[in-house]
Amino acid sequence: MIAIDYESYLIGDGAVFPKPVCLSWYDGKNTGLLNREESKEFLSEHLNNVEIIAHNAVFECGVTITHYPELDEQVFDALDNGMIYCTKVNEALWNNQREKQLNKL
């Protein structure tokens, strides 16, 4: 598993998935900070070979597809194969379940 997080220019009109500045990653032992070109190479190597974790995977996938269109097939394959895990969705599901349990009391 590798956790990733883009830092990007600001989201705005016409920039739902803004240009990435860098990509940070952590694999449980090692960590790194990659520039734009290194990010593309890193993702090309790791998509579909290892599970990718992101807090807002929609954003990370959108930035990747928008700014590295040559990786779009790899991104969609990784999604189809359950190789991209979104902690934001997981958190929302857990919070929803907790609220239901609290309301039962």
PDB file of N, CA and C in Angstrom:
ATOM      1  N   MET A   1       0.829  -1.187   0.000  1.00  0.00           N
ATOM      2  CA  MET A   1       0.000   0.000   0.000  1.00  0.00           C
ATOM      3  C   MET A   1       0.874   1.251   0.000  1.00  0.00           C
ATOM      4  N   ILE A   2       0.390   2.229  -0.738  1.00  0.00           N
ATOM      5  CA  ILE A   2       1.064   3.528  -0.768  1.00  0.00           C
ATOM      6  C   ILE A   2       0.004   4.610  -0.611  1.00  0.00           C
ATOM      7  N   ALA A   3       0.193   5.485   0.356  1.00  0.00           N
ATOM      8  CA  ALA A   3      -0.680   6.642   0.532  1.00  0.00           C
ATOM      9  C   ALA A   3      -0.126   7.797  -0.290  1.00  0.00           C
ATOM     10  N   ILE A   4      -1.013   8.501  -0.988  1.00  0.00           N
ATOM     11  CA  ILE A   4      -0.583   9.642  -1.804  1.00  0.00           C
ATOM     12  C   ILE A   4      -1.424  10.871  -1.485  1.00  0.00           C
ATOM     13  N   ASP A   5      -0.860  12.034  -1.782  1.00  0.00           N
ATOM     14  CA  ASP A   5      -1.574  13.293  -1.615  1.00  0.00           C
ATOM     15  C   ASP A   5      -0.951  14.338  -2.531  1.00  0.00           C
ATOM     16  N   TYR A   6      -1.766  14.899  -3.422  1.00  0.00           N
ATOM     17  CA  TYR A   6      -1.306  15.996  -4.272  1.00  0.00           C
ATOM     18  C   TYR A   6      -1.382  17.313  -3.522  1.00  0.00           C
ATOM     19  N   GLU A   7      -0.440  18.190  -3.784  1.00  0.00           N
ATOM     20  CA  GLU A   7      -0.557  19.610  -3.503  1.00  0.00           C
ATOM     21  C   GLU A   7      -0.716  20.236  -4.882  1.00  0.00           C
ATOM     22  N   SER A   8      -1.666  21.150  -5.004  1.00  0.00           N
ATOM     23  CA  SER A   8      -1.975  21.687  -6.330  1.00  0.00           C
ATOM     24  C   SER A   8      -2.219  23.184  -6.260  1.00  0.00           C
ATOM     25  N   TYR A   9      -2.374  23.773  -7.452  1.00  0.00           N
ATOM     26  CA  TYR A   9      -2.839  25.147  -7.516  1.00  0.00           C
ATOM     27  C   TYR A   9      -4.267  25.158  -6.979  1.00  0.00           C
ATOM     28  N   LEU A  10      -4.841  26.327  -6.788  1.00  0.00           N
ATOM     29  CA  LEU A  10      -6.168  26.435  -6.200  1.00  0.00           C
ATOM     30  C   LEU A  10      -7.258  25.936  -7.144  1.00  0.00           C
ATOM     31  N   ILE A  11      -8.277  25.350  -6.553  1.00  0.00           N
ATOM     32  CA  ILE A  11      -9.474  24.974  -7.295  1.00  0.00           C
ATOM     33  C   ILE A  11     -10.225  26.256  -7.607  1.00  0.00           C
ATOM     34  N   GLY A  12     -10.749  26.363  -8.816  1.00  0.00           N
ATOM     35  CA  GLY A  12     -11.495  27.555  -9.188  1.00  0.00           C
ATOM     36  C   GLY A  12     -12.293  27.316 -10.446  1.00  0.00           C
ATOM     37  N   ASP A  13     -12.890  28.384 -10.977  1.00  0.00           N
ATOM     38  CA  ASP A  13     -13.648  28.274 -12.215  1.00  0.00           C
ATOM     39  C   ASP A  13     -12.762  27.695 -13.313  1.00  0.00           C
ATOM     40  N   GLY A  14     -13.217  26.637 -13.912  1.00  0.00           N
ATOM     41  CA  GLY A  14     -12.448  26.000 -14.981  1.00  0.00           C
ATOM     42  C   GLY A  14     -11.284  25.170 -14.471  1.00  0.00           C
ATOM     43  N   ALA A  15     -11.129  25.071 -13.161  1.00  0.00           N
ATOM     44  CA  ALA A  15     -10.021  24.291 -12.596  1.00  0.00           C
ATOM     45  C   ALA A  15     -10.532  23.433 -11.438  1.00  0.00           C
ATOM     46  N   VAL A  16     -11.450  22.523 -11.758  1.00  0.00           N
ATOM     47  CA  VAL A  16     -11.960  21.610 -10.738  1.00  0.00           C
ATOM     48  C   VAL A  16     -10.836  20.687 -10.277  1.00  0.00           C
ATOM     49  N   PHE A  17      -9.994  20.308 -11.240  1.00  0.00           N
ATOM     50  CA  PHE A  17      -8.811  19.506 -10.942  1.00  0.00           C
ATOM     51  C   PHE A  17      -7.591  20.310 -11.380  1.00  0.00           C
ATOM     52  N   PRO A  18      -7.114  21.197 -10.504  1.00  0.00           N
ATOM     53  CA  PRO A  18      -6.033  22.106 -10.881  1.00  0.00           C
ATOM     54  C   PRO A  18      -4.692  21.396 -11.082  1.00  0.00           C
ATOM     55  N   LYS A  19      -3.807  22.131 -11.692  1.00  0.00           N
ATOM     56  CA  LYS A  19      -2.463  21.629 -11.988  1.00  0.00           C
ATOM     57  C   LYS A  19      -1.752  21.222 -10.691  1.00  0.00           C
ATOM     58  N   PRO A  20      -1.171  20.008 -10.689  1.00  0.00           N
ATOM     59  CA  PRO A  20      -0.443  19.587  -9.488  1.00  0.00           C
ATOM     60  C   PRO A  20       0.888  20.320  -9.349  1.00  0.00           C
ATOM     61  N   VAL A  21       1.262  20.559  -8.111  1.00  0.00           N
ATOM     62  CA  VAL A  21       2.566  21.145  -7.804  1.00  0.00           C
ATOM     63  C   VAL A  21       3.529  20.019  -7.439  1.00  0.00           C
ATOM     64  N   CYS A  22       3.064  19.115  -6.562  1.00  0.00           N
ATOM     65  CA  CYS A  22       3.899  17.993  -6.134  1.00  0.00           C
ATOM     66  C   CYS A  22       3.004  16.874  -5.610  1.00  0.00           C
ATOM     67  N   LEU A  23       3.602  15.729  -5.394  1.00  0.00           N
ATOM     68  CA  LEU A  23       2.897  14.571  -4.857  1.00  0.00           C
ATOM     69  C   LEU A  23       3.714  14.019  -3.696  1.00  0.00           C
ATOM     70  N   SER A  24       3.080  13.908  -2.533  1.00  0.00           N
ATOM     71  CA  SER A  24       3.765  13.266  -1.409  1.00  0.00           C
ATOM     72  C   SER A  24       3.262  11.832  -1.320  1.00  0.00           C
ATOM     73  N   TRP A  25       4.118  10.943  -0.845  1.00  0.00           N
ATOM     74  CA  TRP A  25       3.742   9.541  -0.729  1.00  0.00           C
ATOM     75  C   TRP A  25       4.385   8.924   0.506  1.00  0.00           C
ATOM     76  N   TYR A  26       3.747   7.844   0.983  1.00  0.00           N
ATOM     77  CA  TYR A  26       4.249   7.111   2.141  1.00  0.00           C
ATOM     78  C   TYR A  26       3.837   5.659   1.981  1.00  0.00           C
ATOM     79  N   ASP A  27       4.779   4.746   2.162  1.00  0.00           N
ATOM     80  CA  ASP A  27       4.473   3.322   1.989  1.00  0.00           C
ATOM     81  C   ASP A  27       4.551   2.527   3.289  1.00  0.00           C
ATOM     82  N   GLY A  28       4.578   3.214   4.411  1.00  0.00           N
ATOM     83  CA  GLY A  28       4.674   2.545   5.695  1.00  0.00           C
ATOM     84  C   GLY A  28       6.083   2.537   6.246  1.00  0.00           C
ATOM     85  N   LYS A  29       7.052   2.701   5.382  1.00  0.00           N
ATOM     86  CA  LYS A  29       8.460   2.756   5.791  1.00  0.00           C
ATOM     87  C   LYS A  29       9.157   3.977   5.216  1.00  0.00           C
ATOM     88  N   ASN A  30       8.914   4.214   3.956  1.00  0.00           N
ATOM     89  CA  ASN A  30       9.584   5.304   3.241  1.00  0.00           C
ATOM     90  C   ASN A  30       8.570   6.360   2.850  1.00  0.00           C
ATOM     91  N   THR A  31       9.070   7.579   2.654  1.00  0.00           N
ATOM     92  CA  THR A  31       8.228   8.695   2.252  1.00  0.00           C
ATOM     93  C   THR A  31       8.967   9.515   1.211  1.00  0.00           C
ATOM     94  N   GLY A  32       8.226  10.283   0.455  1.00  0.00           N
ATOM     95  CA  GLY A  32       8.872  11.111  -0.550  1.00  0.00           C
ATOM     96  C   GLY A  32       7.999  12.267  -0.980  1.00  0.00           C
ATOM     97  N   LEU A  33       8.625  13.211  -1.643  1.00  0.00           N
ATOM     98  CA  LEU A  33       7.955  14.368  -2.208  1.00  0.00           C
ATOM     99  C   LEU A  33       8.451  14.497  -3.640  1.00  0.00           C
ATOM    100  N   LEU A  34       7.529  14.408  -4.589  1.00  0.00           N
ATOM    101  CA  LEU A  34       7.892  14.340  -6.003  1.00  0.00           C
ATOM    102  C   LEU A  34       7.382  15.559  -6.764  1.00  0.00           C
ATOM    103  N   ASN A  35       8.194  16.038  -7.712  1.00  0.00           N
ATOM    104  CA  ASN A  35       7.734  17.132  -8.566  1.00  0.00           C
ATOM    105  C   ASN A  35       6.761  16.572  -9.612  1.00  0.00           C
ATOM    106  N   ARG A  36       6.278  17.427 -10.500  1.00  0.00           N
ATOM    107  CA  ARG A  36       5.254  17.001 -11.484  1.00  0.00           C
ATOM    108  C   ARG A  36       5.713  15.824 -12.336  1.00  0.00           C
ATOM    109  N   GLU A  37       6.880  15.919 -12.918  1.00  0.00           N
ATOM    110  CA  GLU A  37       7.360  14.847 -13.804  1.00  0.00           C
ATOM    111  C   GLU A  37       7.618  13.559 -13.015  1.00  0.00           C
ATOM    112  N   GLU A  38       8.209  13.682 -11.858  1.00  0.00           N
ATOM    113  CA  GLU A  38       8.452  12.509 -11.016  1.00  0.00           C
ATOM    114  C   GLU A  38       7.139  11.861 -10.581  1.00  0.00           C
ATOM    115  N   SER A  39       6.123  12.694 -10.342  1.00  0.00           N
ATOM    116  CA  SER A  39       4.812  12.177  -9.943  1.00  0.00           C
ATOM    117  C   SER A  39       4.223  11.288 -11.018  1.00  0.00           C
ATOM    118  N   LYS A  40       4.310  11.743 -12.251  1.00  0.00           N
ATOM    119  CA  LYS A  40       3.777  10.962 -13.375  1.00  0.00           C
ATOM    120  C   LYS A  40       4.493   9.626 -13.476  1.00  0.00           C
ATOM    121  N   GLU A  41       5.804   9.628 -13.369  1.00  0.00           N
ATOM    122  CA  GLU A  41       6.582   8.388 -13.442  1.00  0.00           C
ATOM    123  C   GLU A  41       6.248   7.458 -12.278  1.00  0.00           C
ATOM    124  N   PHE A  42       6.134   8.030 -11.078  1.00  0.00           N
ATOM    125  CA  PHE A  42       5.824   7.255  -9.877  1.00  0.00           C
ATOM    126  C   PHE A  42       4.468   6.568 -10.020  1.00  0.00           C
ATOM    127  N   LEU A  43       3.466   7.325 -10.432  1.00  0.00           N
ATOM    128  CA  LEU A  43       2.132   6.755 -10.583  1.00  0.00           C
ATOM    129  C   LEU A  43       2.094   5.716 -11.698  1.00  0.00           C
ATOM    130  N   SER A  44       2.799   5.970 -12.771  1.00  0.00           N
ATOM    131  CA  SER A  44       2.866   5.005 -13.868  1.00  0.00           C
ATOM    132  C   SER A  44       3.426   3.670 -13.389  1.00  0.00           C
ATOM    133  N   GLU A  45       4.415   3.720 -12.522  1.00  0.00           N
ATOM    134  CA  GLU A  45       5.025   2.502 -11.974  1.00  0.00           C
ATOM    135  C   GLU A  45       4.130   1.781 -10.981  1.00  0.00           C
ATOM    136  N   HIS A  46       3.352   2.537 -10.193  1.00  0.00           N
ATOM    137  CA  HIS A  46       2.644   1.936  -9.064  1.00  0.00           C
ATOM    138  C   HIS A  46       1.158   1.673  -9.268  1.00  0.00           C
ATOM    139  N   LEU A  47       0.505   2.400 -10.169  1.00  0.00           N
ATOM    140  CA  LEU A  47      -0.908   2.118 -10.419  1.00  0.00           C
ATOM    141  C   LEU A  47      -1.042   0.681 -10.894  1.00  0.00           C
ATOM    142  N   ASN A  48      -1.967  -0.033 -10.324  1.00  0.00           N
ATOM    143  CA  ASN A  48      -2.252  -1.441 -10.656  1.00  0.00           C
ATOM    144  C   ASN A  48      -1.213  -2.423 -10.139  1.00  0.00           C
ATOM    145  N   ASN A  49      -0.167  -1.956  -9.484  1.00  0.00           N
ATOM    146  CA  ASN A  49       0.824  -2.857  -8.895  1.00  0.00           C
ATOM    147  C   ASN A  49       0.738  -2.878  -7.374  1.00  0.00           C
ATOM    148  N   VAL A  50       0.121  -1.849  -6.807  1.00  0.00           N
ATOM    149  CA  VAL A  50       0.019  -1.724  -5.352  1.00  0.00           C
ATOM    150  C   VAL A  50      -1.253  -0.936  -5.043  1.00  0.00           C
ATOM    151  N   GLU A  51      -1.863  -1.197  -3.896  1.00  0.00           N
ATOM    152  CA  GLU A  51      -3.038  -0.427  -3.509  1.00  0.00           C
ATOM    153  C   GLU A  51      -2.629   1.015  -3.224  1.00  0.00           C
ATOM    154  N   ILE A  52      -3.432   1.943  -3.730  1.00  0.00           N
ATOM    155  CA  ILE A  52      -3.206   3.364  -3.529  1.00  0.00           C
ATOM    156  C   ILE A  52      -4.261   3.865  -2.559  1.00  0.00           C
ATOM    157  N   ILE A  53      -3.834   4.608  -1.545  1.00  0.00           N
ATOM    158  CA  ILE A  53      -4.733   5.169  -0.549  1.00  0.00           C
ATOM    159  C   ILE A  53      -4.666   6.689  -0.651  1.00  0.00           C
ATOM    160  N   ALA A  54      -5.841   7.331  -0.640  1.00  0.00           N
ATOM    161  CA  ALA A  54      -5.900   8.791  -0.661  1.00  0.00           C
ATOM    162  C   ALA A  54      -7.107   9.226   0.159  1.00  0.00           C
ATOM    163  N   HIS A  55      -7.001  10.370   0.806  1.00  0.00           N
ATOM    164  CA  HIS A  55      -8.142  10.834   1.601  1.00  0.00           C
ATOM    165  C   HIS A  55      -9.282  11.306   0.701  1.00  0.00           C
ATOM    166  N   ASN A  56      -8.973  11.857  -0.438  1.00  0.00           N
ATOM    167  CA  ASN A  56     -10.002  12.260  -1.401  1.00  0.00           C
ATOM    168  C   ASN A  56      -9.594  11.703  -2.755  1.00  0.00           C
ATOM    169  N   ALA A  57      -9.823  10.428  -2.939  1.00  0.00           N
ATOM    170  CA  ALA A  57      -9.365   9.735  -4.146  1.00  0.00           C
ATOM    171  C   ALA A  57      -9.971  10.325  -5.415  1.00  0.00           C
ATOM    172  N   VAL A  58     -11.173  10.881  -5.327  1.00  0.00           N
ATOM    173  CA  VAL A  58     -11.773  11.525  -6.503  1.00  0.00           C
ATOM    174  C   VAL A  58     -10.867  12.651  -6.980  1.00  0.00           C
ATOM    175  N   PHE A  59     -10.354  13.438  -6.042  1.00  0.00           N
ATOM    176  CA  PHE A  59      -9.466  14.547  -6.405  1.00  0.00           C
ATOM    177  C   PHE A  59      -8.157  14.016  -6.986  1.00  0.00           C
ATOM    178  N   GLU A  60      -7.541  13.060  -6.312  1.00  0.00           N
ATOM    179  CA  GLU A  60      -6.261  12.522  -6.800  1.00  0.00           C
ATOM    180  C   GLU A  60      -6.420  11.895  -8.184  1.00  0.00           C
ATOM    181  N   CYS A  61      -7.481  11.131  -8.380  1.00  0.00           N
ATOM    182  CA  CYS A  61      -7.725  10.520  -9.694  1.00  0.00           C
ATOM    183  C   CYS A  61      -8.020  11.586 -10.745  1.00  0.00           C
ATOM    184  N   GLY A  62      -8.826  12.577 -10.382  1.00  0.00           N
ATOM    185  CA  GLY A  62      -9.165  13.644 -11.321  1.00  0.00           C
ATOM    186  C   GLY A  62      -7.952  14.452 -11.755  1.00  0.00           C
ATOM    187  N   VAL A  63      -7.096  14.792 -10.804  1.00  0.00           N
ATOM    188  CA  VAL A  63      -5.867  15.528 -11.137  1.00  0.00           C
ATOM    189  C   VAL A  63      -4.989  14.674 -12.048  1.00  0.00           C
ATOM    190  N   THR A  64      -4.859  13.405 -11.723  1.00  0.00           N
ATOM    191  CA  THR A  64      -4.020  12.512 -12.530  1.00  0.00           C
ATOM    192  C   THR A  64      -4.549  12.406 -13.958  1.00  0.00           C
ATOM    193  N   ILE A  65      -5.841  12.151 -14.105  1.00  0.00           N
ATOM    194  CA  ILE A  65      -6.433  11.987 -15.441  1.00  0.00           C
ATOM    195  C   ILE A  65      -6.357  13.281 -16.240  1.00  0.00           C
ATOM    196  N   THR A  66      -6.602  14.409 -15.572  1.00  0.00           N
ATOM    197  CA  THR A  66      -6.599  15.705 -16.258  1.00  0.00           C
ATOM    198  C   THR A  66      -5.207  16.115 -16.716  1.00  0.00           C
ATOM    199  N   HIS A  67      -4.206  15.912 -15.869  1.00  0.00           N
ATOM    200  CA  HIS A  67      -2.880  16.444 -16.168  1.00  0.00           C
ATOM    201  C   HIS A  67      -1.890  15.400 -16.683  1.00  0.00           C
ATOM    202  N   TYR A  68      -2.239  14.136 -16.560  1.00  0.00           N
ATOM    203  CA  TYR A  68      -1.426  13.053 -17.111  1.00  0.00           C
ATOM    204  C   TYR A  68      -2.364  12.121 -17.894  1.00  0.00           C
ATOM    205  N   PRO A  69      -2.948  12.613 -18.993  1.00  0.00           N
ATOM    206  CA  PRO A  69      -3.950  11.816 -19.707  1.00  0.00           C
ATOM    207  C   PRO A  69      -3.434  10.461 -20.179  1.00  0.00           C
ATOM    208  N   GLU A  70      -2.131  10.321 -20.311  1.00  0.00           N
ATOM    209  CA  GLU A  70      -1.569   9.032 -20.717  1.00  0.00           C
ATOM    210  C   GLU A  70      -1.730   7.971 -19.627  1.00  0.00           C
ATOM    211  N   LEU A  71      -2.109   8.403 -18.413  1.00  0.00           N
ATOM    212  CA  LEU A  71      -2.320   7.466 -17.306  1.00  0.00           C
ATOM    213  C   LEU A  71      -3.797   7.151 -17.078  1.00  0.00           C
ATOM    214  N   ASP A  72      -4.696   7.724 -17.898  1.00  0.00           N
ATOM    215  CA  ASP A  72      -6.116   7.552 -17.608  1.00  0.00           C
ATOM    216  C   ASP A  72      -6.564   6.091 -17.630  1.00  0.00           C
ATOM    217  N   GLU A  73      -6.058   5.304 -18.552  1.00  0.00           N
ATOM    218  CA  GLU A  73      -6.433   3.887 -18.592  1.00  0.00           C
ATOM    219  C   GLU A  73      -5.962   3.161 -17.331  1.00  0.00           C
ATOM    220  N   GLN A  74      -4.763   3.471 -16.870  1.00  0.00           N
ATOM    221  CA  GLN A  74      -4.255   2.859 -15.642  1.00  0.00           C
ATOM    222  C   GLN A  74      -5.099   3.249 -14.429  1.00  0.00           C
ATOM    223  N   VAL A  75      -5.521   4.510 -14.374  1.00  0.00           N
ATOM    224  CA  VAL A  75      -6.353   4.964 -13.258  1.00  0.00           C
ATOM    225  C   VAL A  75      -7.681   4.212 -13.261  1.00  0.00           C
ATOM    226  N   PHE A  76      -8.335   4.138 -14.420  1.00  0.00           N
ATOM    227  CA  PHE A  76      -9.629   3.454 -14.488  1.00  0.00           C
ATOM    228  C   PHE A  76      -9.488   1.958 -14.225  1.00  0.00           C
ATOM    229  N   ASP A  77      -8.408   1.353 -14.688  1.00  0.00           N
ATOM    230  CA  ASP A  77      -8.166  -0.064 -14.386  1.00  0.00           C
ATOM    231  C   ASP A  77      -7.981  -0.271 -12.882  1.00  0.00           C
ATOM    232  N   ALA A  78      -7.222   0.624 -12.243  1.00  0.00           N
ATOM    233  CA  ALA A  78      -7.002   0.519 -10.801  1.00  0.00           C
ATOM    234  C   ALA A  78      -8.325   0.668 -10.049  1.00  0.00           C
ATOM    235  N   LEU A  79      -9.161   1.600 -10.480  1.00  0.00           N
ATOM    236  CA  LEU A  79     -10.475   1.759  -9.855  1.00  0.00           C
ATOM    237  C   LEU A  79     -11.324   0.510 -10.049  1.00  0.00           C
ATOM    238  N   ASP A  80     -11.366   0.007 -11.278  1.00  0.00           N
ATOM    239  CA  ASP A  80     -12.153  -1.199 -11.582  1.00  0.00           C
ATOM    240  C   ASP A  80     -11.696  -2.404 -10.773  1.00  0.00           C
ATOM    241  N   ASN A  81     -10.404  -2.452 -10.477  1.00  0.00           N
ATOM    242  CA  ASN A  81      -9.840  -3.599  -9.758  1.00  0.00           C
ATOM    243  C   ASN A  81      -9.735  -3.384  -8.247  1.00  0.00           C
ATOM    244  N   GLY A  82     -10.342  -2.317  -7.752  1.00  0.00           N
ATOM    245  CA  GLY A  82     -10.337  -2.065  -6.311  1.00  0.00           C
ATOM    246  C   GLY A  82      -8.971  -1.751  -5.750  1.00  0.00           C
ATOM    247  N   MET A  83      -8.108  -1.151  -6.555  1.00  0.00           N
ATOM    248  CA  MET A  83      -6.740  -0.849  -6.125  1.00  0.00           C
ATOM    249  C   MET A  83      -6.592   0.569  -5.570  1.00  0.00           C
ATOM    250  N   ILE A  84      -7.680   1.361  -5.619  1.00  0.00           N
ATOM    251  CA  ILE A  84      -7.640   2.725  -5.077  1.00  0.00           C
ATOM    252  C   ILE A  84      -8.651   2.800  -3.943  1.00  0.00           C
ATOM    253  N   TYR A  85      -8.174   3.203  -2.784  1.00  0.00           N
ATOM    254  CA  TYR A  85      -8.969   3.236  -1.559  1.00  0.00           C
ATOM    255  C   TYR A  85      -9.103   4.682  -1.095  1.00  0.00           C
ATOM    256  N   CYS A  86     -10.344   5.117  -0.863  1.00  0.00           N
ATOM    257  CA  CYS A  86     -10.607   6.494  -0.456  1.00  0.00           C
ATOM    258  C   CYS A  86     -10.979   6.547   1.016  1.00  0.00           C
ATOM    259  N   THR A  87     -10.130   7.151   1.833  1.00  0.00           N
ATOM    260  CA  THR A  87     -10.419   7.238   3.260  1.00  0.00           C
ATOM    261  C   THR A  87     -11.547   8.226   3.549  1.00  0.00           C
ATOM    262  N   LYS A  88     -11.794   9.173   2.651  1.00  0.00           N
ATOM    263  CA  LYS A  88     -12.898  10.124   2.849  1.00  0.00           C
ATOM    264  C   LYS A  88     -14.246   9.407   2.755  1.00  0.00           C
ATOM    265  N   VAL A  89     -14.394   8.537   1.765  1.00  0.00           N
ATOM    266  CA  VAL A  89     -15.623   7.753   1.633  1.00  0.00           C
ATOM    267  C   VAL A  89     -15.761   6.815   2.818  1.00  0.00           C
ATOM    268  N   ASN A  90     -14.671   6.159   3.191  1.00  0.00           N
ATOM    269  CA  ASN A  90     -14.703   5.255   4.338  1.00  0.00           C
ATOM    270  C   ASN A  90     -15.128   5.988   5.607  1.00  0.00           C
ATOM    271  N   GLU A  91     -14.573   7.175   5.813  1.00  0.00           N
ATOM    272  CA  GLU A  91     -14.915   7.971   6.990  1.00  0.00           C
ATOM    273  C   GLU A  91     -16.393   8.341   6.985  1.00  0.00           C
ATOM    274  N   ALA A  92     -16.930   8.734   5.834  1.00  0.00           N
ATOM    275  CA  ALA A  92     -18.344   9.099   5.744  1.00  0.00           C
ATOM    276  C   ALA A  92     -19.238   7.902   6.066  1.00  0.00           C
ATOM    277  N   LEU A  93     -18.883   6.739   5.560  1.00  0.00           N
ATOM    278  CA  LEU A  93     -19.668   5.538   5.845  1.00  0.00           C
ATOM    279  C   LEU A  93     -19.636   5.193   7.334  1.00  0.00           C
ATOM    280  N   TRP A  94     -18.449   5.253   7.933  1.00  0.00           N
ATOM    281  CA  TRP A  94     -18.338   4.962   9.364  1.00  0.00           C
ATOM    282  C   TRP A  94     -19.122   5.978  10.186  1.00  0.00           C
ATOM    283  N   ASN A  95     -19.027   7.248   9.838  1.00  0.00           N
ATOM    284  CA  ASN A  95     -19.758   8.280  10.581  1.00  0.00           C
ATOM    285  C   ASN A  95     -21.265   8.067  10.471  1.00  0.00           C
ATOM    286  N   ASN A  96     -21.728   7.707   9.283  1.00  0.00           N
ATOM    287  CA  ASN A  96     -23.146   7.436   9.081  1.00  0.00           C
ATOM    288  C   ASN A  96     -23.594   6.266   9.957  1.00  0.00           C
ATOM    289  N   GLN A  97     -22.822   5.212   9.999  1.00  0.00           N
ATOM    290  CA  GLN A  97     -23.156   4.049  10.806  1.00  0.00           C
ATOM    291  C   GLN A  97     -23.164   4.395  12.300  1.00  0.00           C
ATOM    292  N   ARG A  98     -22.191   5.168  12.737  1.00  0.00           N
ATOM    293  CA  ARG A  98     -22.119   5.576  14.148  1.00  0.00           C
ATOM    294  C   ARG A  98     -23.340   6.397  14.535  1.00  0.00           C
ATOM    295  N   GLU A  99     -23.753   7.334  13.653  1.00  0.00           N
ATOM    296  CA  GLU A  99     -24.914   8.161  13.944  1.00  0.00           C
ATOM    297  C   GLU A  99     -26.160   7.298  14.069  1.00  0.00           C
ATOM    298  N   LYS A 100     -26.312   6.286  13.213  1.00  0.00           N
ATOM    299  CA  LYS A 100     -27.467   5.385  13.297  1.00  0.00           C
ATOM    300  C   LYS A 100     -27.460   4.641  14.619  1.00  0.00           C
ATOM    301  N   GLN A 101     -26.298   4.177  15.050  1.00  0.00           N
ATOM    302  CA  GLN A 101     -26.217   3.445  16.307  1.00  0.00           C
ATOM    303  C   GLN A 101     -26.512   4.365  17.486  1.00  0.00           C
ATOM    304  N   LEU A 102     -26.042   5.607  17.454  1.00  0.00           N
ATOM    305  CA  LEU A 102     -26.308   6.546  18.534  1.00  0.00           C
ATOM    306  C   LEU A 102     -27.803   6.883  18.617  1.00  0.00           C
ATOM    307  N   ASN A 103     -28.465   6.984  17.466  1.00  0.00           N
ATOM    308  CA  ASN A 103     -29.880   7.314  17.437  1.00  0.00           C
ATOM    309  C   ASN A 103     -30.743   6.181  17.990  1.00  0.00           C
ATOM    310  N   LYS A 104     -30.230   4.951  17.999  1.00  0.00           N
ATOM    311  CA  LYS A 104     -30.979   3.817  18.537  1.00  0.00           C
ATOM    312  C   LYS A 104     -31.051   3.846  20.047  1.00  0.00           C
ATOM    313  N   LEU A 105     -30.094   4.511  20.701  1.00  0.00           N
ATOM    314  CA  LEU A 105     -30.057   4.530  22.174  1.00  0.00           C
ATOM    315  C   LEU A 105     -31.188   5.295  22.789  1.00  0.00           C
TER     316      LEU A 105
END
